[in-house]
Amino acid sequence: MKITIHATISADKKKVWEYYTNPAHIVHWNFASDDWCCPHAENDMRVGGTYTARMEARDQSFGFDFEATYDEIVVGEKFTYTMDDGRVVDISFEDVDGKTRVTIIFDAETENSEEMQRNGWQSILNNFTSYVETH
């Protein structure tokens, strides 16, 4: 099953792409709630390159490394990567009247409900939106 989320961000596509793909920015928005953080991220953005982000509770009681390998990249427009568990994620950036619509389509996993997965990924995207619009 594929799940789709999206957000329309009050910023141009160039800025949105930069903030979404640059590790210097990723560490400031890549978490779903304020009790989590992303202390480290690396992004080798080329086909076959890897994306890694450390996600952990601020109290350090739990954490994990999110890892994926890039399958396709159209700079400034879209990219696709495959997570370590084989699930695929497609992310696109579309200009909409001077704003940018980010759409993420990802393969669901079987451990958590569709609603929980949708809400978690959407919370991260909402956090990203807030970060871009205030920086």
N, C-alpha and C. Protein backbone atom coordinates (compact mmCIF):
# COMPACT_ATOMS: atom_id res chain seq x y z
N MET A 1 0.83 -1.18 0.00
CA MET A 1 0.00 0.00 0.00
C MET A 1 0.88 1.25 0.00
N LYS A 2 0.49 2.23 -0.80
CA LYS A 2 1.21 3.50 -0.84
C LYS A 2 0.41 4.55 -0.08
N ILE A 3 1.11 5.43 0.62
CA ILE A 3 0.50 6.53 1.36
C ILE A 3 1.03 7.83 0.77
N THR A 4 0.13 8.79 0.56
CA THR A 4 0.51 10.09 0.00
C THR A 4 0.24 11.19 1.01
N ILE A 5 1.23 12.06 1.19
CA ILE A 5 1.07 13.26 2.01
C ILE A 5 1.58 14.44 1.20
N HIS A 6 1.20 15.63 1.60
CA HIS A 6 1.68 16.81 0.88
C HIS A 6 1.56 18.05 1.76
N ALA A 7 2.25 19.10 1.32
CA ALA A 7 2.18 20.41 1.96
C ALA A 7 2.48 21.45 0.90
N THR A 8 1.85 22.61 1.02
CA THR A 8 2.17 23.74 0.16
C THR A 8 2.89 24.77 1.02
N ILE A 9 4.11 25.10 0.60
CA ILE A 9 5.02 25.91 1.40
C ILE A 9 5.18 27.29 0.78
N SER A 10 5.11 28.32 1.60
CA SER A 10 5.25 29.70 1.12
C SER A 10 6.72 30.03 0.91
N ALA A 11 7.30 29.43 -0.12
CA ALA A 11 8.70 29.67 -0.50
C ALA A 11 8.89 29.13 -1.92
N ASP A 12 9.91 29.64 -2.61
CA ASP A 12 10.16 29.15 -3.96
C ASP A 12 10.80 27.77 -3.94
N LYS A 13 10.71 27.10 -5.08
CA LYS A 13 11.18 25.72 -5.20
C LYS A 13 12.67 25.58 -4.89
N LYS A 14 13.47 26.55 -5.29
CA LYS A 14 14.91 26.46 -5.05
C LYS A 14 15.22 26.41 -3.55
N LYS A 15 14.57 27.28 -2.78
CA LYS A 15 14.78 27.29 -1.33
C LYS A 15 14.27 25.99 -0.70
N VAL A 16 13.08 25.57 -1.11
CA VAL A 16 12.49 24.36 -0.53
C VAL A 16 13.38 23.15 -0.81
N TRP A 17 13.87 23.03 -2.04
CA TRP A 17 14.77 21.92 -2.39
C TRP A 17 16.02 21.97 -1.52
N GLU A 18 16.64 23.13 -1.40
CA GLU A 18 17.87 23.30 -0.60
C GLU A 18 17.64 22.90 0.85
N TYR A 19 16.56 23.37 1.45
CA TYR A 19 16.29 23.09 2.86
C TYR A 19 15.92 21.62 3.07
N TYR A 20 15.33 20.98 2.05
CA TYR A 20 14.94 19.58 2.18
C TYR A 20 16.12 18.63 2.03
N THR A 21 17.13 19.03 1.26
CA THR A 21 18.21 18.10 0.92
C THR A 21 19.55 18.41 1.60
N ASN A 22 19.71 19.58 2.18
CA ASN A 22 20.99 19.96 2.79
C ASN A 22 21.03 19.54 4.26
N PRO A 23 21.99 18.70 4.66
CA PRO A 23 22.06 18.24 6.05
C PRO A 23 22.13 19.37 7.08
N ALA A 24 22.68 20.52 6.70
CA ALA A 24 22.73 21.66 7.63
C ALA A 24 21.33 22.12 8.00
N HIS A 25 20.36 21.88 7.14
CA HIS A 25 18.96 22.22 7.43
C HIS A 25 18.19 21.01 7.96
N ILE A 26 18.46 19.83 7.42
CA ILE A 26 17.72 18.62 7.79
C ILE A 26 17.69 18.42 9.30
N VAL A 27 18.80 18.68 9.97
CA VAL A 27 18.87 18.46 11.41
C VAL A 27 17.93 19.37 12.20
N HIS A 28 17.42 20.43 11.57
CA HIS A 28 16.54 21.37 12.27
C HIS A 28 15.05 21.06 12.12
N TRP A 29 14.69 20.17 11.20
CA TRP A 29 13.27 19.91 10.98
C TRP A 29 12.87 18.44 10.92
N ASN A 30 13.81 17.52 10.84
CA ASN A 30 13.51 16.11 10.55
C ASN A 30 13.09 15.33 11.80
N PHE A 31 11.96 15.72 12.37
CA PHE A 31 11.38 15.00 13.49
C PHE A 31 9.91 15.37 13.57
N ALA A 32 9.11 14.48 14.15
CA ALA A 32 7.66 14.63 14.13
C ALA A 32 7.11 15.45 15.30
N SER A 33 7.86 15.52 16.40
CA SER A 33 7.38 16.25 17.57
C SER A 33 8.57 16.86 18.32
N ASP A 34 8.27 17.81 19.18
CA ASP A 34 9.32 18.55 19.88
C ASP A 34 10.13 17.71 20.86
N ASP A 35 9.64 16.51 21.23
CA ASP A 35 10.40 15.66 22.14
C ASP A 35 11.37 14.74 21.38
N TRP A 36 11.46 14.93 20.06
CA TRP A 36 12.42 14.22 19.22
C TRP A 36 13.36 15.21 18.58
N CYS A 37 14.49 14.69 18.06
CA CYS A 37 15.45 15.54 17.36
C CYS A 37 16.16 14.72 16.29
N CYS A 38 16.91 15.43 15.46
CA CYS A 38 17.71 14.81 14.41
C CYS A 38 19.13 15.37 14.58
N PRO A 39 19.94 14.77 15.45
CA PRO A 39 21.25 15.35 15.75
C PRO A 39 22.27 15.24 14.63
N HIS A 40 22.02 14.37 13.64
CA HIS A 40 23.02 14.18 12.57
C HIS A 40 22.33 13.73 11.29
N ALA A 41 22.79 14.28 10.16
CA ALA A 41 22.29 13.83 8.86
C ALA A 41 23.42 13.91 7.84
N GLU A 42 23.43 12.98 6.91
CA GLU A 42 24.37 12.97 5.79
C GLU A 42 23.55 12.73 4.53
N ASN A 43 23.95 13.38 3.42
CA ASN A 43 23.20 13.23 2.19
C ASN A 43 24.14 13.26 0.99
N ASP A 44 24.38 12.08 0.42
CA ASP A 44 25.18 11.93 -0.79
C ASP A 44 24.19 11.83 -1.95
N MET A 45 23.72 13.00 -2.40
CA MET A 45 22.60 13.05 -3.33
C MET A 45 23.03 12.82 -4.77
N ARG A 46 23.15 11.55 -5.09
CA ARG A 46 23.43 11.09 -6.45
C ARG A 46 22.83 9.70 -6.54
N VAL A 47 22.51 9.27 -7.76
CA VAL A 47 21.96 7.92 -7.92
C VAL A 47 22.99 6.93 -7.36
N GLY A 48 22.53 6.08 -6.45
CA GLY A 48 23.42 5.14 -5.76
C GLY A 48 23.98 5.70 -4.46
N GLY A 49 23.85 7.00 -4.26
CA GLY A 49 24.30 7.64 -3.02
C GLY A 49 23.33 7.36 -1.88
N THR A 50 23.77 7.62 -0.67
CA THR A 50 22.94 7.32 0.49
C THR A 50 22.54 8.56 1.26
N TYR A 51 21.39 8.45 1.89
CA TYR A 51 20.86 9.45 2.81
C TYR A 51 20.76 8.78 4.17
N THR A 52 21.31 9.40 5.20
CA THR A 52 21.24 8.88 6.55
C THR A 52 20.88 10.00 7.50
N ALA A 53 19.93 9.73 8.38
CA ALA A 53 19.55 10.71 9.41
C ALA A 53 19.36 9.98 10.73
N ARG A 54 20.00 10.49 11.77
CA ARG A 54 19.82 9.95 13.11
C ARG A 54 18.60 10.61 13.72
N MET A 55 17.65 9.81 14.13
CA MET A 55 16.44 10.33 14.76
C MET A 55 16.38 9.74 16.16
N GLU A 56 16.19 10.61 17.15
CA GLU A 56 16.16 10.10 18.52
C GLU A 56 15.34 11.00 19.44
N ALA A 57 14.88 10.38 20.52
CA ALA A 57 14.18 11.14 21.56
C ALA A 57 15.17 12.12 22.19
N ARG A 58 14.70 13.31 22.51
CA ARG A 58 15.59 14.31 23.11
C ARG A 58 16.21 13.83 24.42
N ASP A 59 15.48 12.97 25.14
CA ASP A 59 16.03 12.43 26.39
C ASP A 59 16.94 11.23 26.15
N GLN A 60 17.18 10.91 24.87
CA GLN A 60 18.05 9.82 24.42
C GLN A 60 17.61 8.44 24.87
N SER A 61 16.31 8.30 25.20
CA SER A 61 15.79 7.00 25.63
C SER A 61 15.58 6.04 24.46
N PHE A 62 15.50 6.58 23.25
CA PHE A 62 15.29 5.75 22.07
C PHE A 62 15.79 6.51 20.85
N GLY A 63 16.27 5.76 19.86
CA GLY A 63 16.70 6.40 18.62
C GLY A 63 16.95 5.36 17.55
N PHE A 64 17.04 5.83 16.32
CA PHE A 64 17.33 4.93 15.21
C PHE A 64 17.93 5.73 14.06
N ASP A 65 18.60 5.03 13.16
CA ASP A 65 19.15 5.64 11.96
C ASP A 65 18.22 5.35 10.79
N PHE A 66 17.77 6.41 10.14
CA PHE A 66 16.97 6.29 8.93
C PHE A 66 17.96 6.28 7.77
N GLU A 67 17.93 5.22 6.95
CA GLU A 67 18.89 5.09 5.85
C GLU A 67 18.16 4.73 4.56
N ALA A 68 18.64 5.33 3.46
CA ALA A 68 18.05 5.07 2.15
C ALA A 68 19.10 5.28 1.07
N THR A 69 18.85 4.69 -0.09
CA THR A 69 19.72 4.82 -1.25
C THR A 69 18.93 5.43 -2.40
N TYR A 70 19.52 6.43 -3.05
CA TYR A 70 18.84 7.13 -4.14
C TYR A 70 18.77 6.28 -5.40
N ASP A 71 17.57 6.24 -6.00
CA ASP A 71 17.32 5.51 -7.24
C ASP A 71 17.22 6.45 -8.43
N GLU A 72 16.65 7.62 -8.23
CA GLU A 72 16.44 8.60 -9.31
C GLU A 72 16.48 9.99 -8.70
N ILE A 73 17.09 10.93 -9.43
CA ILE A 73 17.14 12.32 -8.98
C ILE A 73 16.98 13.22 -10.20
N VAL A 74 16.02 14.13 -10.13
CA VAL A 74 15.90 15.22 -11.10
C VAL A 74 16.05 16.48 -10.25
N VAL A 75 17.24 17.06 -10.26
CA VAL A 75 17.58 18.16 -9.35
C VAL A 75 16.54 19.27 -9.42
N GLY A 76 16.07 19.66 -8.23
CA GLY A 76 15.10 20.74 -8.12
C GLY A 76 13.67 20.33 -8.37
N GLU A 77 13.45 19.09 -8.82
CA GLU A 77 12.11 18.64 -9.20
C GLU A 77 11.58 17.46 -8.38
N LYS A 78 12.41 16.39 -8.31
CA LYS A 78 11.92 15.17 -7.65
C LYS A 78 13.08 14.22 -7.39
N PHE A 79 12.84 13.28 -6.49
CA PHE A 79 13.78 12.17 -6.30
C PHE A 79 13.05 10.97 -5.71
N THR A 80 13.69 9.83 -5.90
CA THR A 80 13.17 8.56 -5.38
C THR A 80 14.29 7.87 -4.65
N TYR A 81 13.96 7.31 -3.48
CA TYR A 81 14.95 6.49 -2.79
C TYR A 81 14.29 5.25 -2.23
N THR A 82 15.13 4.25 -1.95
CA THR A 82 14.68 3.01 -1.36
C THR A 82 15.28 2.90 0.03
N MET A 83 14.40 2.72 1.02
CA MET A 83 14.85 2.57 2.40
C MET A 83 15.48 1.19 2.59
N ASP A 84 16.22 1.04 3.67
CA ASP A 84 16.92 -0.22 3.93
C ASP A 84 15.99 -1.44 3.98
N ASP A 85 14.72 -1.22 4.33
CA ASP A 85 13.79 -2.34 4.39
C ASP A 85 13.11 -2.63 3.04
N GLY A 86 13.55 -1.93 1.97
CA GLY A 86 13.03 -2.18 0.63
C GLY A 86 11.85 -1.31 0.22
N ARG A 87 11.35 -0.50 1.14
CA ARG A 87 10.22 0.38 0.79
C ARG A 87 10.73 1.57 -0.01
N VAL A 88 9.90 2.02 -0.95
CA VAL A 88 10.27 3.10 -1.87
C VAL A 88 9.54 4.39 -1.49
N VAL A 89 10.25 5.52 -1.63
CA VAL A 89 9.70 6.84 -1.35
C VAL A 89 9.94 7.73 -2.57
N ASP A 90 8.87 8.39 -3.04
CA ASP A 90 8.95 9.36 -4.13
C ASP A 90 8.62 10.73 -3.56
N ILE A 91 9.48 11.72 -3.82
CA ILE A 91 9.24 13.08 -3.34
C ILE A 91 9.34 14.02 -4.51
N SER A 92 8.31 14.88 -4.68
CA SER A 92 8.31 15.83 -5.78
C SER A 92 8.07 17.25 -5.26
N PHE A 93 8.59 18.21 -6.02
CA PHE A 93 8.53 19.63 -5.68
C PHE A 93 7.90 20.34 -6.88
N GLU A 94 6.75 20.99 -6.67
CA GLU A 94 6.01 21.60 -7.78
C GLU A 94 5.73 23.06 -7.47
N ASP A 95 6.01 23.93 -8.43
CA ASP A 95 5.71 25.34 -8.28
C ASP A 95 4.21 25.56 -8.44
N VAL A 96 3.60 26.22 -7.44
CA VAL A 96 2.18 26.53 -7.48
C VAL A 96 2.00 27.99 -7.10
N ASP A 97 1.93 28.85 -8.11
CA ASP A 97 1.72 30.29 -7.88
C ASP A 97 2.72 30.90 -6.91
N GLY A 98 4.00 30.60 -7.11
CA GLY A 98 5.05 31.17 -6.28
C GLY A 98 5.29 30.44 -4.98
N LYS A 99 4.48 29.45 -4.69
CA LYS A 99 4.67 28.59 -3.52
C LYS A 99 5.16 27.23 -4.05
N THR A 100 5.52 26.35 -3.14
CA THR A 100 6.00 25.04 -3.55
C THR A 100 5.17 23.95 -2.89
N ARG A 101 4.65 23.07 -3.72
CA ARG A 101 3.90 21.92 -3.20
C ARG A 101 4.86 20.73 -3.16
N VAL A 102 5.03 20.19 -1.97
CA VAL A 102 5.85 19.00 -1.77
C VAL A 102 4.89 17.82 -1.60
N THR A 103 5.09 16.80 -2.42
CA THR A 103 4.28 15.60 -2.34
C THR A 103 5.20 14.42 -2.06
N ILE A 104 4.85 13.64 -1.06
CA ILE A 104 5.62 12.45 -0.69
C ILE A 104 4.69 11.24 -0.80
N ILE A 105 5.13 10.26 -1.58
CA ILE A 105 4.40 9.00 -1.71
C ILE A 105 5.33 7.90 -1.22
N PHE A 106 4.89 7.16 -0.21
CA PHE A 106 5.78 6.13 0.34
C PHE A 106 5.04 4.82 0.53
N ASP A 107 5.82 3.74 0.42
CA ASP A 107 5.28 2.40 0.68
C ASP A 107 5.06 2.27 2.18
N ALA A 108 3.87 1.83 2.55
CA ALA A 108 3.57 1.61 3.96
C ALA A 108 4.32 0.39 4.48
N GLU A 109 4.59 0.40 5.77
CA GLU A 109 5.14 -0.80 6.40
C GLU A 109 4.00 -1.53 7.09
N THR A 110 4.24 -2.71 7.60
CA THR A 110 3.15 -3.53 8.15
C THR A 110 3.07 -3.49 9.67
N GLU A 111 4.02 -2.86 10.32
CA GLU A 111 4.07 -2.87 11.79
C GLU A 111 3.09 -1.88 12.42
N ASN A 112 2.90 -0.72 11.78
CA ASN A 112 2.03 0.33 12.33
C ASN A 112 0.86 0.59 11.39
N SER A 113 -0.22 1.14 11.94
CA SER A 113 -1.41 1.41 11.16
C SER A 113 -1.13 2.46 10.08
N GLU A 114 -1.97 2.44 9.03
CA GLU A 114 -1.84 3.44 7.96
C GLU A 114 -1.97 4.84 8.55
N GLU A 115 -2.94 5.03 9.44
CA GLU A 115 -3.16 6.35 10.04
C GLU A 115 -1.93 6.82 10.83
N MET A 116 -1.32 5.93 11.61
CA MET A 116 -0.14 6.30 12.39
C MET A 116 1.01 6.70 11.46
N GLN A 117 1.21 5.92 10.40
CA GLN A 117 2.28 6.23 9.45
C GLN A 117 2.02 7.56 8.75
N ARG A 118 0.80 7.75 8.27
CA ARG A 118 0.43 9.00 7.59
C ARG A 118 0.65 10.19 8.53
N ASN A 119 0.17 10.07 9.75
CA ASN A 119 0.29 11.17 10.71
C ASN A 119 1.74 11.47 11.06
N GLY A 120 2.56 10.44 11.21
CA GLY A 120 3.97 10.64 11.54
C GLY A 120 4.73 11.34 10.42
N TRP A 121 4.56 10.85 9.20
CA TRP A 121 5.24 11.47 8.06
C TRP A 121 4.71 12.88 7.82
N GLN A 122 3.38 13.08 7.99
CA GLN A 122 2.81 14.41 7.80
C GLN A 122 3.32 15.38 8.86
N SER A 123 3.50 14.91 10.09
CA SER A 123 4.03 15.77 11.15
C SER A 123 5.44 16.24 10.82
N ILE A 124 6.26 15.35 10.27
CA ILE A 124 7.61 15.74 9.87
C ILE A 124 7.54 16.76 8.73
N LEU A 125 6.66 16.53 7.76
CA LEU A 125 6.51 17.48 6.65
C LEU A 125 5.98 18.83 7.15
N ASN A 126 5.07 18.80 8.12
CA ASN A 126 4.57 20.05 8.70
C ASN A 126 5.69 20.79 9.43
N ASN A 127 6.55 20.06 10.13
CA ASN A 127 7.69 20.65 10.81
C ASN A 127 8.64 21.28 9.79
N PHE A 128 8.86 20.58 8.68
CA PHE A 128 9.67 21.12 7.59
C PHE A 128 9.07 22.41 7.07
N THR A 129 7.77 22.42 6.82
CA THR A 129 7.09 23.61 6.32
C THR A 129 7.31 24.80 7.25
N SER A 130 7.12 24.59 8.53
CA SER A 130 7.32 25.67 9.52
C SER A 130 8.75 26.16 9.50
N TYR A 131 9.71 25.24 9.42
CA TYR A 131 11.12 25.62 9.39
C TYR A 131 11.43 26.49 8.17
N VAL A 132 11.00 26.05 7.00
CA VAL A 132 11.27 26.81 5.77
C VAL A 132 10.63 28.19 5.85
N GLU A 133 9.40 28.26 6.29
CA GLU A 133 8.68 29.53 6.29
C GLU A 133 9.17 30.52 7.34
N THR A 134 9.95 30.05 8.31
CA THR A 134 10.46 30.97 9.36
C THR A 134 11.97 31.19 9.26
N HIS A 135 12.63 30.63 8.25
CA HIS A 135 14.08 30.81 8.10
C HIS A 135 14.45 31.31 6.72
